[in-house]
Amino acid sequence: MDVNEVIIEKLNKLETLLVSSVKQILTVEDLINYTGFSRSYIYKLVHKNILPYSKPNGKTLFFQKNEIDSFLLQNKSVSNAQLTQKAFDYVSKSK
């Protein structure tokens, strides 16, 4: 690949990411670009009803971006600093 092809490829990728970040309703392709998940993993999550989706016409899958964000941020782990602060707050309240 020459330099121009590389630049065009990167510009296309940036354009795709920009469009996905603005949209509130995502298709499977948008979701692949937004999350980095593979197509098969997305379909697996949909099949197991783990990932929230809509299928208004019985064929095409659509996803709400805010629901995807909530899904991605679930099961948050607490850092050591946050855990230490919680313990300190608990001990302080007990006195």
N, C-alpha and C. Protein backbone atom coordinates (compact mmCIF):
# COMPACT_ATOMS: atom_id res chain seq x y z
N MET A 1 0.84 -1.18 0.00
CA MET A 1 0.00 0.00 0.00
C MET A 1 0.88 1.24 0.00
N ASP A 2 0.50 2.19 -0.81
CA ASP A 2 1.26 3.43 -0.80
C ASP A 2 0.68 4.37 0.25
N VAL A 3 1.33 5.49 0.44
CA VAL A 3 0.96 6.44 1.49
C VAL A 3 -0.46 6.96 1.30
N ASN A 4 -0.85 7.25 0.07
CA ASN A 4 -2.20 7.77 -0.18
C ASN A 4 -3.28 6.77 0.22
N GLU A 5 -3.06 5.51 -0.07
CA GLU A 5 -4.03 4.48 0.30
C GLU A 5 -4.16 4.36 1.80
N VAL A 6 -3.05 4.45 2.51
CA VAL A 6 -3.06 4.38 3.97
C VAL A 6 -3.82 5.57 4.54
N ILE A 7 -3.58 6.75 4.01
CA ILE A 7 -4.27 7.96 4.48
C ILE A 7 -5.76 7.85 4.23
N ILE A 8 -6.15 7.40 3.05
CA ILE A 8 -7.57 7.25 2.72
C ILE A 8 -8.23 6.22 3.63
N GLU A 9 -7.55 5.13 3.89
CA GLU A 9 -8.08 4.09 4.77
C GLU A 9 -8.30 4.64 6.18
N LYS A 10 -7.33 5.40 6.69
CA LYS A 10 -7.45 5.97 8.03
C LYS A 10 -8.56 7.03 8.09
N LEU A 11 -8.70 7.82 7.04
CA LEU A 11 -9.78 8.81 6.99
C LEU A 11 -11.14 8.13 6.98
N ASN A 12 -11.27 7.05 6.23
CA ASN A 12 -12.53 6.30 6.21
C ASN A 12 -12.86 5.73 7.58
N LYS A 13 -11.86 5.22 8.27
CA LYS A 13 -12.05 4.68 9.62
C LYS A 13 -12.49 5.79 10.57
N LEU A 14 -11.84 6.95 10.50
CA LEU A 14 -12.22 8.09 11.34
C LEU A 14 -13.64 8.55 11.06
N GLU A 15 -14.01 8.59 9.79
CA GLU A 15 -15.37 9.00 9.42
C GLU A 15 -16.40 8.02 9.99
N THR A 16 -16.11 6.74 9.90
CA THR A 16 -17.01 5.73 10.43
C THR A 16 -17.17 5.88 11.94
N LEU A 17 -16.07 6.09 12.64
CA LEU A 17 -16.12 6.26 14.09
C LEU A 17 -16.86 7.53 14.48
N LEU A 18 -16.67 8.59 13.72
CA LEU A 18 -17.35 9.85 14.00
C LEU A 18 -18.86 9.71 13.83
N VAL A 19 -19.28 9.08 12.76
CA VAL A 19 -20.71 8.88 12.51
C VAL A 19 -21.31 8.01 13.61
N SER A 20 -20.61 6.96 14.02
CA SER A 20 -21.11 6.07 15.07
C SER A 20 -21.22 6.80 16.41
N SER A 21 -20.34 7.73 16.67
CA SER A 21 -20.37 8.42 17.95
C SER A 21 -21.52 9.41 18.04
N VAL A 22 -22.03 9.88 16.91
CA VAL A 22 -23.13 10.86 16.90
C VAL A 22 -24.49 10.17 16.91
N LYS A 23 -24.59 9.02 16.29
CA LYS A 23 -25.86 8.31 16.17
C LYS A 23 -26.34 7.80 17.53
N GLN A 24 -27.65 7.83 17.74
CA GLN A 24 -28.23 7.29 18.97
C GLN A 24 -28.77 5.87 18.77
N ILE A 25 -29.12 5.55 17.53
CA ILE A 25 -29.58 4.21 17.18
C ILE A 25 -28.51 3.58 16.29
N LEU A 26 -28.02 2.42 16.69
CA LEU A 26 -26.91 1.77 16.00
C LEU A 26 -27.35 0.48 15.32
N THR A 27 -26.76 0.20 14.18
CA THR A 27 -26.93 -1.09 13.51
C THR A 27 -25.83 -2.02 13.99
N VAL A 28 -25.84 -3.24 13.52
CA VAL A 28 -24.78 -4.19 13.89
C VAL A 28 -23.42 -3.66 13.45
N GLU A 29 -23.35 -3.13 12.22
CA GLU A 29 -22.08 -2.57 11.73
C GLU A 29 -21.61 -1.42 12.61
N ASP A 30 -22.53 -0.53 12.99
CA ASP A 30 -22.18 0.59 13.87
C ASP A 30 -21.68 0.07 15.21
N LEU A 31 -22.35 -0.96 15.71
CA LEU A 31 -21.99 -1.53 17.01
C LEU A 31 -20.61 -2.18 16.96
N ILE A 32 -20.29 -2.81 15.86
CA ILE A 32 -18.95 -3.39 15.69
C ILE A 32 -17.89 -2.29 15.78
N ASN A 33 -18.14 -1.19 15.09
CA ASN A 33 -17.18 -0.07 15.12
C ASN A 33 -17.15 0.62 16.48
N TYR A 34 -18.30 0.72 17.13
CA TYR A 34 -18.40 1.43 18.40
C TYR A 34 -17.74 0.65 19.55
N THR A 35 -17.97 -0.67 19.59
CA THR A 35 -17.48 -1.46 20.72
C THR A 35 -16.20 -2.23 20.42
N GLY A 36 -15.96 -2.52 19.15
CA GLY A 36 -14.83 -3.36 18.80
C GLY A 36 -15.15 -4.84 18.91
N PHE A 37 -16.42 -5.18 19.26
CA PHE A 37 -16.84 -6.57 19.33
C PHE A 37 -16.91 -7.15 17.93
N SER A 38 -16.71 -8.44 17.82
CA SER A 38 -16.87 -9.10 16.52
C SER A 38 -18.36 -9.30 16.23
N ARG A 39 -18.67 -9.48 14.98
CA ARG A 39 -20.06 -9.70 14.56
C ARG A 39 -20.63 -10.95 15.26
N SER A 40 -19.85 -12.01 15.31
CA SER A 40 -20.34 -13.25 15.92
C SER A 40 -20.59 -13.08 17.41
N TYR A 41 -19.75 -12.30 18.10
CA TYR A 41 -19.94 -12.07 19.53
C TYR A 41 -21.22 -11.25 19.77
N ILE A 42 -21.48 -10.26 18.92
CA ILE A 42 -22.70 -9.46 19.05
C ILE A 42 -23.92 -10.36 18.87
N TYR A 43 -23.92 -11.19 17.84
CA TYR A 43 -25.04 -12.10 17.61
C TYR A 43 -25.20 -13.10 18.76
N LYS A 44 -24.09 -13.52 19.35
CA LYS A 44 -24.15 -14.43 20.50
C LYS A 44 -24.82 -13.74 21.68
N LEU A 45 -24.45 -12.48 21.95
CA LEU A 45 -25.05 -11.73 23.05
C LEU A 45 -26.54 -11.48 22.80
N VAL A 46 -26.90 -11.22 21.55
CA VAL A 46 -28.30 -11.02 21.19
C VAL A 46 -29.08 -12.33 21.38
N HIS A 47 -28.52 -13.42 20.90
CA HIS A 47 -29.18 -14.73 20.99
C HIS A 47 -29.45 -15.11 22.45
N LYS A 48 -28.53 -14.79 23.34
CA LYS A 48 -28.68 -15.10 24.76
C LYS A 48 -29.46 -14.03 25.52
N ASN A 49 -29.98 -13.03 24.80
CA ASN A 49 -30.72 -11.91 25.40
C ASN A 49 -29.91 -11.19 26.47
N ILE A 50 -28.63 -11.08 26.26
CA ILE A 50 -27.74 -10.36 27.17
C ILE A 50 -27.64 -8.90 26.74
N LEU A 51 -27.63 -8.68 25.45
CA LEU A 51 -27.50 -7.34 24.88
C LEU A 51 -28.88 -6.83 24.48
N PRO A 52 -29.28 -5.64 24.99
CA PRO A 52 -30.60 -5.12 24.63
C PRO A 52 -30.64 -4.68 23.16
N TYR A 53 -31.71 -5.06 22.48
CA TYR A 53 -31.83 -4.75 21.05
C TYR A 53 -33.29 -4.60 20.66
N SER A 54 -33.51 -4.05 19.48
CA SER A 54 -34.84 -3.97 18.87
C SER A 54 -34.77 -4.60 17.50
N LYS A 55 -35.88 -5.18 17.09
CA LYS A 55 -35.95 -5.83 15.78
C LYS A 55 -37.32 -5.49 15.18
N PRO A 56 -37.52 -4.20 14.81
CA PRO A 56 -38.85 -3.74 14.42
C PRO A 56 -39.43 -4.39 13.18
N ASN A 57 -38.62 -4.74 12.23
CA ASN A 57 -39.14 -5.32 10.99
C ASN A 57 -38.93 -6.83 10.93
N GLY A 58 -38.50 -7.41 12.04
CA GLY A 58 -38.29 -8.85 12.08
C GLY A 58 -37.00 -9.32 11.46
N LYS A 59 -36.18 -8.41 10.98
CA LYS A 59 -34.95 -8.80 10.30
C LYS A 59 -33.74 -8.03 10.83
N THR A 60 -33.77 -6.73 10.72
CA THR A 60 -32.62 -5.89 11.06
C THR A 60 -32.59 -5.59 12.56
N LEU A 61 -31.40 -5.73 13.15
CA LEU A 61 -31.22 -5.43 14.57
C LEU A 61 -30.81 -3.97 14.75
N PHE A 62 -31.39 -3.34 15.78
CA PHE A 62 -31.02 -1.98 16.15
C PHE A 62 -30.73 -1.94 17.64
N PHE A 63 -29.82 -1.06 18.02
CA PHE A 63 -29.39 -0.94 19.40
C PHE A 63 -29.41 0.53 19.80
N GLN A 64 -29.89 0.82 21.02
CA GLN A 64 -29.84 2.19 21.53
C GLN A 64 -28.48 2.41 22.17
N LYS A 65 -27.85 3.50 21.79
CA LYS A 65 -26.49 3.76 22.24
C LYS A 65 -26.41 3.86 23.77
N ASN A 66 -27.40 4.52 24.39
CA ASN A 66 -27.35 4.67 25.85
C ASN A 66 -27.49 3.31 26.56
N GLU A 67 -28.27 2.38 25.98
CA GLU A 67 -28.38 1.04 26.56
C GLU A 67 -27.08 0.26 26.38
N ILE A 68 -26.42 0.47 25.25
CA ILE A 68 -25.13 -0.19 25.01
C ILE A 68 -24.09 0.34 25.99
N ASP A 69 -24.10 1.66 26.21
CA ASP A 69 -23.17 2.25 27.18
C ASP A 69 -23.40 1.67 28.57
N SER A 70 -24.66 1.54 28.97
CA SER A 70 -24.97 0.94 30.28
C SER A 70 -24.49 -0.50 30.35
N PHE A 71 -24.70 -1.24 29.27
CA PHE A 71 -24.24 -2.63 29.22
C PHE A 71 -22.72 -2.69 29.36
N LEU A 72 -22.02 -1.82 28.65
CA LEU A 72 -20.56 -1.84 28.68
C LEU A 72 -20.00 -1.46 30.05
N LEU A 73 -20.75 -0.65 30.80
CA LEU A 73 -20.25 -0.16 32.09
C LEU A 73 -20.77 -0.95 33.28
N GLN A 74 -21.52 -2.03 33.04
CA GLN A 74 -22.02 -2.82 34.16
C GLN A 74 -20.90 -3.66 34.75
N ASN A 75 -21.12 -4.16 35.94
CA ASN A 75 -20.14 -4.98 36.67
C ASN A 75 -18.83 -4.24 36.88
N LYS A 76 -18.95 -2.99 37.24
CA LYS A 76 -17.77 -2.16 37.47
C LYS A 76 -17.00 -2.67 38.69
N SER A 77 -15.70 -2.73 38.56
CA SER A 77 -14.89 -3.15 39.70
C SER A 77 -14.38 -1.91 40.43
N VAL A 78 -14.20 -2.05 41.72
CA VAL A 78 -13.78 -0.93 42.57
C VAL A 78 -12.26 -0.96 42.69
N SER A 79 -11.65 0.21 42.57
CA SER A 79 -10.19 0.30 42.71
C SER A 79 -9.80 0.16 44.18
N ASN A 80 -8.55 -0.11 44.43
CA ASN A 80 -8.06 -0.23 45.81
C ASN A 80 -8.27 1.07 46.57
N ALA A 81 -8.05 2.20 45.93
CA ALA A 81 -8.23 3.49 46.59
C ALA A 81 -9.69 3.69 46.99
N GLN A 82 -10.62 3.34 46.10
CA GLN A 82 -12.04 3.48 46.42
C GLN A 82 -12.44 2.53 47.55
N LEU A 83 -11.90 1.33 47.53
CA LEU A 83 -12.20 0.35 48.57
C LEU A 83 -11.67 0.82 49.92
N THR A 84 -10.47 1.36 49.92
CA THR A 84 -9.88 1.90 51.15
C THR A 84 -10.73 3.06 51.68
N GLN A 85 -11.19 3.93 50.80
CA GLN A 85 -12.02 5.06 51.20
C GLN A 85 -13.35 4.58 51.79
N LYS A 86 -13.96 3.57 51.18
CA LYS A 86 -15.21 3.02 51.69
C LYS A 86 -15.00 2.44 53.09
N ALA A 87 -13.90 1.73 53.28
CA ALA A 87 -13.60 1.14 54.58
C ALA A 87 -13.38 2.24 55.62
N PHE A 88 -12.65 3.27 55.23
CA PHE A 88 -12.41 4.40 56.14
C PHE A 88 -13.72 5.07 56.51
N ASP A 89 -14.59 5.31 55.53
CA ASP A 89 -15.89 5.94 55.78
C ASP A 89 -16.75 5.08 56.71
N TYR A 90 -16.73 3.77 56.50
CA TYR A 90 -17.52 2.86 57.33
C TYR A 90 -17.03 2.88 58.77
N VAL A 91 -15.70 2.84 58.96
CA VAL A 91 -15.13 2.85 60.30
C VAL A 91 -15.41 4.19 60.97
N SER A 92 -15.34 5.28 60.22
CA SER A 92 -15.59 6.61 60.77
C SER A 92 -17.03 6.75 61.24
N LYS A 93 -17.98 6.18 60.51
CA LYS A 93 -19.39 6.26 60.88
C LYS A 93 -19.69 5.40 62.10
N SER A 94 -18.95 4.33 62.28
CA SER A 94 -19.19 3.39 63.38
C SER A 94 -18.81 3.98 64.74
N LYS A 95 -17.95 4.97 64.75
CA LYS A 95 -17.47 5.53 66.03
C LYS A 95 -18.46 6.46 66.65
